[in-house]
C-alpha cells in the first residue's frame, strides 16, 4: 500500500466514489508509464487490479485520473 500525501486530497475528494470510501483511478507517472484499475481507499493506493504490489512511489506520480472503471473486477 502507498499512503498519498494531502496534496492529492482536493482532487480525490472532488471526484465521485466507486463504492463506500474507495475510488478507481488511472495513475500516470512522470516517466510515462500508466497504471489502470488503481484502487484508492481513504487516500491510500491499496492495489492495482487486485495486485497489492505498488511498483512506484508518490514522487513518481504525475497525474491521477479517477475513472471508477470496475470492469476488470468481473
PDB file of N, CA and C in Angstrom:
ATOM      1  N   UNK A   1       0.838  -1.183   0.000  1.00  0.00           N
ATOM      2  CA  UNK A   1       0.000   0.000   0.000  1.00  0.00           C
ATOM      3  C   UNK A   1       0.881   1.244   0.000  1.00  0.00           C
ATOM      4  N   UNK A   2       0.311   2.295  -0.557  1.00  0.00           N
ATOM      5  CA  UNK A   2       1.044   3.549  -0.660  1.00  0.00           C
ATOM      6  C   UNK A   2       0.164   4.686  -0.164  1.00  0.00           C
ATOM      7  N   UNK A   3       0.506   5.264   0.972  1.00  0.00           N
ATOM      8  CA  UNK A   3      -0.241   6.385   1.521  1.00  0.00           C
ATOM      9  C   UNK A   3       0.086   7.642   0.721  1.00  0.00           C
ATOM     10  N   UNK A   4      -0.959   8.292   0.212  1.00  0.00           N
ATOM     11  CA  UNK A   4      -0.780   9.531  -0.546  1.00  0.00           C
ATOM     12  C   UNK A   4      -0.793  10.716   0.405  1.00  0.00           C
ATOM     13  N   UNK A   5       0.001  11.732   0.092  1.00  0.00           N
ATOM     14  CA  UNK A   5       0.046  12.926   0.929  1.00  0.00           C
ATOM     15  C   UNK A   5      -1.211  13.767   0.709  1.00  0.00           C
ATOM     16  N   UNK A   6      -1.363  14.771   1.539  1.00  0.00           N
ATOM     17  CA  UNK A   6      -2.533  15.654   1.495  1.00  0.00           C
ATOM     18  C   UNK A   6      -2.638  16.434   0.187  1.00  0.00           C
ATOM     19  N   UNK A   7      -1.577  16.503  -0.594  1.00  0.00           N
ATOM     20  CA  UNK A   7      -1.650  17.274  -1.854  1.00  0.00           C
ATOM     21  C   UNK A   7      -2.655  16.679  -2.830  1.00  0.00           C
ATOM     22  N   UNK A   8      -2.947  15.374  -2.713  1.00  0.00           N
ATOM     23  CA  UNK A   8      -3.907  14.730  -3.611  1.00  0.00           C
ATOM     24  C   UNK A   8      -5.341  14.806  -3.090  1.00  0.00           C
ATOM     25  N   UNK A   9      -5.521  15.215  -1.849  1.00  0.00           N
ATOM     26  CA  UNK A   9      -6.849  15.231  -1.226  1.00  0.00           C
ATOM     27  C   UNK A   9      -7.870  16.084  -1.978  1.00  0.00           C
ATOM     28  N   UNK A  10      -7.548  17.309  -2.409  1.00  0.00           N
ATOM     29  CA  UNK A  10      -8.561  18.097  -3.123  1.00  0.00           C
ATOM     30  C   UNK A  10      -9.062  17.405  -4.398  1.00  0.00           C
ATOM     31  N   UNK A  11      -8.166  16.790  -5.133  1.00  0.00           N
ATOM     32  CA  UNK A  11      -8.557  16.077  -6.347  1.00  0.00           C
ATOM     33  C   UNK A  11      -9.451  14.896  -6.007  1.00  0.00           C
ATOM     34  N   UNK A  12      -9.009  14.070  -5.074  1.00  0.00           N
ATOM     35  CA  UNK A  12      -9.737  12.850  -4.759  1.00  0.00           C
ATOM     36  C   UNK A  12     -11.095  13.134  -4.116  1.00  0.00           C
ATOM     37  N   UNK A  13     -11.164  14.114  -3.236  1.00  0.00           N
ATOM     38  CA  UNK A  13     -12.437  14.411  -2.579  1.00  0.00           C
ATOM     39  C   UNK A  13     -13.430  15.103  -3.507  1.00  0.00           C
ATOM     40  N   UNK A  14     -12.947  15.664  -4.599  1.00  0.00           N
ATOM     41  CA  UNK A  14     -13.850  16.321  -5.550  1.00  0.00           C
ATOM     42  C   UNK A  14     -14.442  15.347  -6.570  1.00  0.00           C
ATOM     43  N   UNK A  15     -13.988  14.101  -6.544  1.00  0.00           N
ATOM     44  CA  UNK A  15     -14.433  13.099  -7.510  1.00  0.00           C
ATOM     45  C   UNK A  15     -15.366  12.093  -6.832  1.00  0.00           C
ATOM     46  N   UNK A  16     -16.279  11.485  -7.608  1.00  0.00           N
ATOM     47  CA  UNK A  16     -17.186  10.501  -7.020  1.00  0.00           C
ATOM     48  C   UNK A  16     -16.451   9.228  -6.603  1.00  0.00           C
ATOM     49  N   UNK A  17     -17.095   8.476  -5.735  1.00  0.00           N
ATOM     50  CA  UNK A  17     -16.556   7.206  -5.277  1.00  0.00           C
ATOM     51  C   UNK A  17     -17.150   6.069  -6.099  1.00  0.00           C
ATOM     52  N   UNK A  18     -16.396   4.999  -6.254  1.00  0.00           N
ATOM     53  CA  UNK A  18     -16.899   3.789  -6.914  1.00  0.00           C
ATOM     54  C   UNK A  18     -17.716   2.977  -5.923  1.00  0.00           C
ATOM     55  N   UNK A  19     -17.370   3.097  -4.666  1.00  0.00           N
ATOM     56  CA  UNK A  19     -18.050   2.425  -3.571  1.00  0.00           C
ATOM     57  C   UNK A  19     -17.785   3.221  -2.314  1.00  0.00           C
ATOM     58  N   UNK A  20     -18.301   2.760  -1.211  1.00  0.00           N
ATOM     59  CA  UNK A  20     -18.172   3.492   0.044  1.00  0.00           C
ATOM     60  C   UNK A  20     -16.705   3.656   0.442  1.00  0.00           C
ATOM     61  N   UNK A  21     -16.171   4.862   0.253  1.00  0.00           N
ATOM     62  CA  UNK A  21     -14.815   5.169   0.687  1.00  0.00           C
ATOM     63  C   UNK A  21     -13.701   4.778  -0.263  1.00  0.00           C
ATOM     64  N   UNK A  22     -14.027   4.355  -1.479  1.00  0.00           N
ATOM     65  CA  UNK A  22     -12.959   3.979  -2.410  1.00  0.00           C
ATOM     66  C   UNK A  22     -13.253   4.461  -3.824  1.00  0.00           C
ATOM     67  N   UNK A  23     -12.180   4.623  -4.583  1.00  0.00           N
ATOM     68  CA  UNK A  23     -12.234   5.074  -5.971  1.00  0.00           C
ATOM     69  C   UNK A  23     -11.316   4.196  -6.814  1.00  0.00           C
ATOM     70  N   UNK A  24     -11.571   4.197  -8.104  1.00  0.00           N
ATOM     71  CA  UNK A  24     -10.691   3.518  -9.054  1.00  0.00           C
ATOM     72  C   UNK A  24     -10.130   4.595  -9.977  1.00  0.00           C
ATOM     73  N   UNK A  25      -8.836   4.533 -10.216  1.00  0.00           N
ATOM     74  CA  UNK A  25      -8.186   5.586 -10.995  1.00  0.00           C
ATOM     75  C   UNK A  25      -7.158   5.008 -11.958  1.00  0.00           C
ATOM     76  N   UNK A  26      -6.752   5.858 -12.880  1.00  0.00           N
ATOM     77  CA  UNK A  26      -5.564   5.627 -13.691  1.00  0.00           C
ATOM     78  C   UNK A  26      -4.502   6.552 -13.133  1.00  0.00           C
ATOM     79  N   UNK A  27      -3.323   6.006 -12.890  1.00  0.00           N
ATOM     80  CA  UNK A  27      -2.216   6.822 -12.405  1.00  0.00           C
ATOM     81  C   UNK A  27      -1.155   6.859 -13.483  1.00  0.00           C
ATOM     82  N   UNK A  28      -0.793   8.079 -13.866  1.00  0.00           N
ATOM     83  CA  UNK A  28       0.265   8.288 -14.854  1.00  0.00           C
ATOM     84  C   UNK A  28       1.506   8.780 -14.130  1.00  0.00           C
ATOM     85  N   UNK A  29       2.631   8.165 -14.462  1.00  0.00           N
ATOM     86  CA  UNK A  29       3.887   8.514 -13.817  1.00  0.00           C
ATOM     87  C   UNK A  29       4.692   9.499 -14.653  1.00  0.00           C
ATOM     88  N   UNK A  30       5.620  10.153 -14.017  1.00  0.00           N
ATOM     89  CA  UNK A  30       6.477  11.127 -14.686  1.00  0.00           C
ATOM     90  C   UNK A  30       7.321  10.496 -15.784  1.00  0.00           C
ATOM     91  N   UNK A  31       7.620   9.203 -15.667  1.00  0.00           N
ATOM     92  CA  UNK A  31       8.428   8.531 -16.684  1.00  0.00           C
ATOM     93  C   UNK A  31       7.602   8.025 -17.865  1.00  0.00           C
ATOM     94  N   UNK A  32       6.285   8.310 -17.873  1.00  0.00           N
ATOM     95  CA  UNK A  32       5.428   7.936 -18.990  1.00  0.00           C
ATOM     96  C   UNK A  32       4.620   6.673 -18.782  1.00  0.00           C
ATOM     97  N   UNK A  33       4.973   5.871 -17.786  1.00  0.00           N
ATOM     98  CA  UNK A  33       4.186   4.663 -17.517  1.00  0.00           C
ATOM     99  C   UNK A  33       2.804   5.046 -16.989  1.00  0.00           C
ATOM    100  N   UNK A  34       1.856   4.149 -17.215  1.00  0.00           N
ATOM    101  CA  UNK A  34       0.491   4.381 -16.787  1.00  0.00           C
ATOM    102  C   UNK A  34      -0.057   3.099 -16.175  1.00  0.00           C
ATOM    103  N   UNK A  35      -0.786   3.228 -15.076  1.00  0.00           N
ATOM    104  CA  UNK A  35      -1.387   2.094 -14.392  1.00  0.00           C
ATOM    105  C   UNK A  35      -2.890   2.329 -14.288  1.00  0.00           C
ATOM    106  N   UNK A  36      -3.654   1.397 -14.850  1.00  0.00           N
ATOM    107  CA  UNK A  36      -5.108   1.489 -14.796  1.00  0.00           C
ATOM    108  C   UNK A  36      -5.622   0.605 -13.667  1.00  0.00           C
ATOM    109  N   UNK A  37      -6.868   0.819 -13.297  1.00  0.00           N
ATOM    110  CA  UNK A  37      -7.543  -0.003 -12.283  1.00  0.00           C
ATOM    111  C   UNK A  37      -6.839   0.070 -10.931  1.00  0.00           C
ATOM    112  N   UNK A  38      -6.400   1.279 -10.579  1.00  0.00           N
ATOM    113  CA  UNK A  38      -5.752   1.510  -9.294  1.00  0.00           C
ATOM    114  C   UNK A  38      -6.841   1.812  -8.264  1.00  0.00           C
ATOM    115  N   UNK A  39      -6.899   1.009  -7.216  1.00  0.00           N
ATOM    116  CA  UNK A  39      -7.883   1.217  -6.165  1.00  0.00           C
ATOM    117  C   UNK A  39      -7.273   2.141  -5.113  1.00  0.00           C
ATOM    118  N   UNK A  40      -7.966   3.252  -4.869  1.00  0.00           N
ATOM    119  CA  UNK A  40      -7.547   4.221  -3.857  1.00  0.00           C
ATOM    120  C   UNK A  40      -8.610   4.205  -2.770  1.00  0.00           C
ATOM    121  N   UNK A  41      -8.175   3.880  -1.566  1.00  0.00           N
ATOM    122  CA  UNK A  41      -9.099   3.779  -0.446  1.00  0.00           C
ATOM    123  C   UNK A  41      -8.616   4.684   0.681  1.00  0.00           C
ATOM    124  N   UNK A  42      -9.450   5.664   1.015  1.00  0.00           N
ATOM    125  CA  UNK A  42      -9.124   6.593   2.108  1.00  0.00           C
ATOM    126  C   UNK A  42      -7.740   7.215   1.933  1.00  0.00           C
ATOM    127  N   UNK A  43      -7.432   7.662   0.713  1.00  0.00           N
ATOM    128  CA  UNK A  43      -6.165   8.326   0.451  1.00  0.00           C
ATOM    129  C   UNK A  43      -4.962   7.417   0.360  1.00  0.00           C
ATOM    130  N   UNK A  44      -5.207   6.128   0.202  1.00  0.00           N
ATOM    131  CA  UNK A  44      -4.131   5.144   0.104  1.00  0.00           C
ATOM    132  C   UNK A  44      -4.287   4.339  -1.171  1.00  0.00           C
ATOM    133  N   UNK A  45      -3.216   4.231  -1.951  1.00  0.00           N
ATOM    134  CA  UNK A  45      -3.230   3.335  -3.101  1.00  0.00           C
ATOM    135  C   UNK A  45      -3.171   1.924  -2.520  1.00  0.00           C
ATOM    136  N   UNK A  46      -4.296   1.207  -2.641  1.00  0.00           N
ATOM    137  CA  UNK A  46      -4.427  -0.099  -1.996  1.00  0.00           C
ATOM    138  C   UNK A  46      -4.001  -1.248  -2.902  1.00  0.00           C
ATOM    139  N   UNK A  47      -4.294  -1.129  -4.202  1.00  0.00           N
ATOM    140  CA  UNK A  47      -3.951  -2.209  -5.125  1.00  0.00           C
ATOM    141  C   UNK A  47      -4.050  -1.710  -6.555  1.00  0.00           C
ATOM    142  N   UNK A  48      -3.501  -2.499  -7.453  1.00  0.00           N
ATOM    143  CA  UNK A  48      -3.627  -2.250  -8.887  1.00  0.00           C
ATOM    144  C   UNK A  48      -4.228  -3.516  -9.474  1.00  0.00           C
ATOM    145  N   UNK A  49      -5.491  -3.435  -9.876  1.00  0.00           N
ATOM    146  CA  UNK A  49      -6.213  -4.590 -10.431  1.00  0.00           C
ATOM    147  C   UNK A  49      -6.027  -5.833  -9.558  1.00  0.00           C
ATOM    148  N   UNK A  50      -6.281  -5.675  -8.276  1.00  0.00           N
ATOM    149  CA  UNK A  50      -6.214  -6.743  -7.269  1.00  0.00           C
ATOM    150  C   UNK A  50      -4.810  -7.185  -6.894  1.00  0.00           C
ATOM    151  N   UNK A  51      -3.772  -6.572  -7.447  1.00  0.00           N
ATOM    152  CA  UNK A  51      -2.394  -6.898  -7.073  1.00  0.00           C
ATOM    153  C   UNK A  51      -1.945  -5.896  -6.006  1.00  0.00           C
ATOM    154  N   UNK A  52      -1.613  -6.339  -4.805  1.00  0.00           N
ATOM    155  CA  UNK A  52      -1.241  -5.400  -3.745  1.00  0.00           C
ATOM    156  C   UNK A  52       0.153  -4.777  -3.923  1.00  0.00           C
ATOM    157  N   UNK A  53       0.946  -5.265  -4.883  1.00  0.00           N
ATOM    158  CA  UNK A  53       2.281  -4.703  -5.127  1.00  0.00           C
ATOM    159  C   UNK A  53       2.134  -3.373  -5.871  1.00  0.00           C
ATOM    160  N   UNK A  54       2.664  -2.315  -5.295  1.00  0.00           N
ATOM    161  CA  UNK A  54       2.618  -0.980  -5.907  1.00  0.00           C
ATOM    162  C   UNK A  54       4.032  -0.670  -6.403  1.00  0.00           C
ATOM    163  N   UNK A  55       4.243  -0.651  -7.735  1.00  0.00           N
ATOM    164  CA  UNK A  55       5.600  -0.516  -8.282  1.00  0.00           C
ATOM    165  C   UNK A  55       6.078   0.923  -8.487  1.00  0.00           C
ATOM    166  N   UNK A  56       5.599   1.830  -7.649  1.00  0.00           N
ATOM    167  CA  UNK A  56       6.027   3.228  -7.758  1.00  0.00           C
ATOM    168  C   UNK A  56       5.878   3.901  -6.398  1.00  0.00           C
ATOM    169  N   UNK A  57       6.468   5.094  -6.306  1.00  0.00           N
ATOM    170  CA  UNK A  57       6.375   5.921  -5.114  1.00  0.00           C
ATOM    171  C   UNK A  57       5.551   7.157  -5.437  1.00  0.00           C
ATOM    172  N   UNK A  58       5.098   7.845  -4.419  1.00  0.00           N
ATOM    173  CA  UNK A  58       4.285   9.044  -4.654  1.00  0.00           C
ATOM    174  C   UNK A  58       5.030  10.079  -5.488  1.00  0.00           C
ATOM    175  N   UNK A  59       6.308  10.248  -5.268  1.00  0.00           N
ATOM    176  CA  UNK A  59       7.085  11.237  -6.027  1.00  0.00           C
ATOM    177  C   UNK A  59       7.121  10.929  -7.522  1.00  0.00           C
ATOM    178  N   UNK A  60       6.814   9.690  -7.903  1.00  0.00           N
ATOM    179  CA  UNK A  60       6.792   9.289  -9.307  1.00  0.00           C
ATOM    180  C   UNK A  60       5.509   9.718 -10.024  1.00  0.00           C
ATOM    181  N   UNK A  61       4.465  10.044  -9.266  1.00  0.00           N
ATOM    182  CA  UNK A  61       3.148  10.302  -9.847  1.00  0.00           C
ATOM    183  C   UNK A  61       3.083  11.684 -10.481  1.00  0.00           C
ATOM    184  N   UNK A  62       2.648  11.704 -11.738  1.00  0.00           N
ATOM    185  CA  UNK A  62       2.422  12.961 -12.451  1.00  0.00           C
ATOM    186  C   UNK A  62       0.949  13.339 -12.430  1.00  0.00           C
ATOM    187  N   UNK A  63       0.066  12.325 -12.490  1.00  0.00           N
ATOM    188  CA  UNK A  63      -1.362  12.603 -12.618  1.00  0.00           C
ATOM    189  C   UNK A  63      -2.181  11.428 -12.091  1.00  0.00           C
ATOM    190  N   UNK A  64      -3.284  11.756 -11.450  1.00  0.00           N
ATOM    191  CA  UNK A  64      -4.276  10.761 -11.042  1.00  0.00           C
ATOM    192  C   UNK A  64      -5.588  11.140 -11.706  1.00  0.00           C
ATOM    193  N   UNK A  65      -6.156  10.186 -12.439  1.00  0.00           N
ATOM    194  CA  UNK A  65      -7.434  10.407 -13.106  1.00  0.00           C
ATOM    195  C   UNK A  65      -8.427   9.389 -12.557  1.00  0.00           C
ATOM    196  N   UNK A  66      -9.425   9.866 -11.826  1.00  0.00           N
ATOM    197  CA  UNK A  66     -10.438   8.976 -11.265  1.00  0.00           C
ATOM    198  C   UNK A  66     -11.371   8.543 -12.388  1.00  0.00           C
ATOM    199  N   UNK A  67     -11.477   7.239 -12.580  1.00  0.00           N
ATOM    200  CA  UNK A  67     -12.325   6.688 -13.644  1.00  0.00           C
ATOM    201  C   UNK A  67     -13.496   5.883 -13.090  1.00  0.00           C
ATOM    202  N   UNK A  68     -13.294   5.294 -11.922  1.00  0.00           N
ATOM    203  CA  UNK A  68     -14.268   4.390 -11.306  1.00  0.00           C
ATOM    204  C   UNK A  68     -14.690   3.268 -12.252  1.00  0.00           C
ATOM    205  N   UNK A  69     -13.775   2.870 -13.127  1.00  0.00           N
ATOM    206  CA  UNK A  69     -13.988   1.759 -14.042  1.00  0.00           C
ATOM    207  C   UNK A  69     -13.722   0.457 -13.280  1.00  0.00           C
ATOM    208  N   UNK A  70     -14.781  -0.296 -13.013  1.00  0.00           N
ATOM    209  CA  UNK A  70     -14.636  -1.552 -12.272  1.00  0.00           C
ATOM    210  C   UNK A  70     -14.812  -2.763 -13.176  1.00  0.00           C
ATOM    211  N   UNK A  71     -14.732  -2.568 -14.485  1.00  0.00           N
ATOM    212  CA  UNK A  71     -14.927  -3.671 -15.435  1.00  0.00           C
ATOM    213  C   UNK A  71     -13.930  -4.801 -15.234  1.00  0.00           C
ATOM    214  N   UNK A  72     -12.744  -4.528 -14.752  1.00  0.00           N
ATOM    215  CA  UNK A  72     -11.697  -5.535 -14.547  1.00  0.00           C
ATOM    216  C   UNK A  72     -12.023  -6.478 -13.392  1.00  0.00           C
ATOM    217  N   UNK A  73     -12.992  -6.139 -12.574  1.00  0.00           N
ATOM    218  CA  UNK A  73     -13.311  -6.953 -11.390  1.00  0.00           C
ATOM    219  C   UNK A  73     -14.166  -8.166 -11.727  1.00  0.00           C
ATOM    220  N   UNK A  74     -14.684  -8.252 -12.921  1.00  0.00           N
ATOM    221  CA  UNK A  74     -15.608  -9.343 -13.274  1.00  0.00           C
ATOM    222  C   UNK A  74     -14.882 -10.553 -13.808  1.00  0.00           C
TER     223      UNK A  74
END
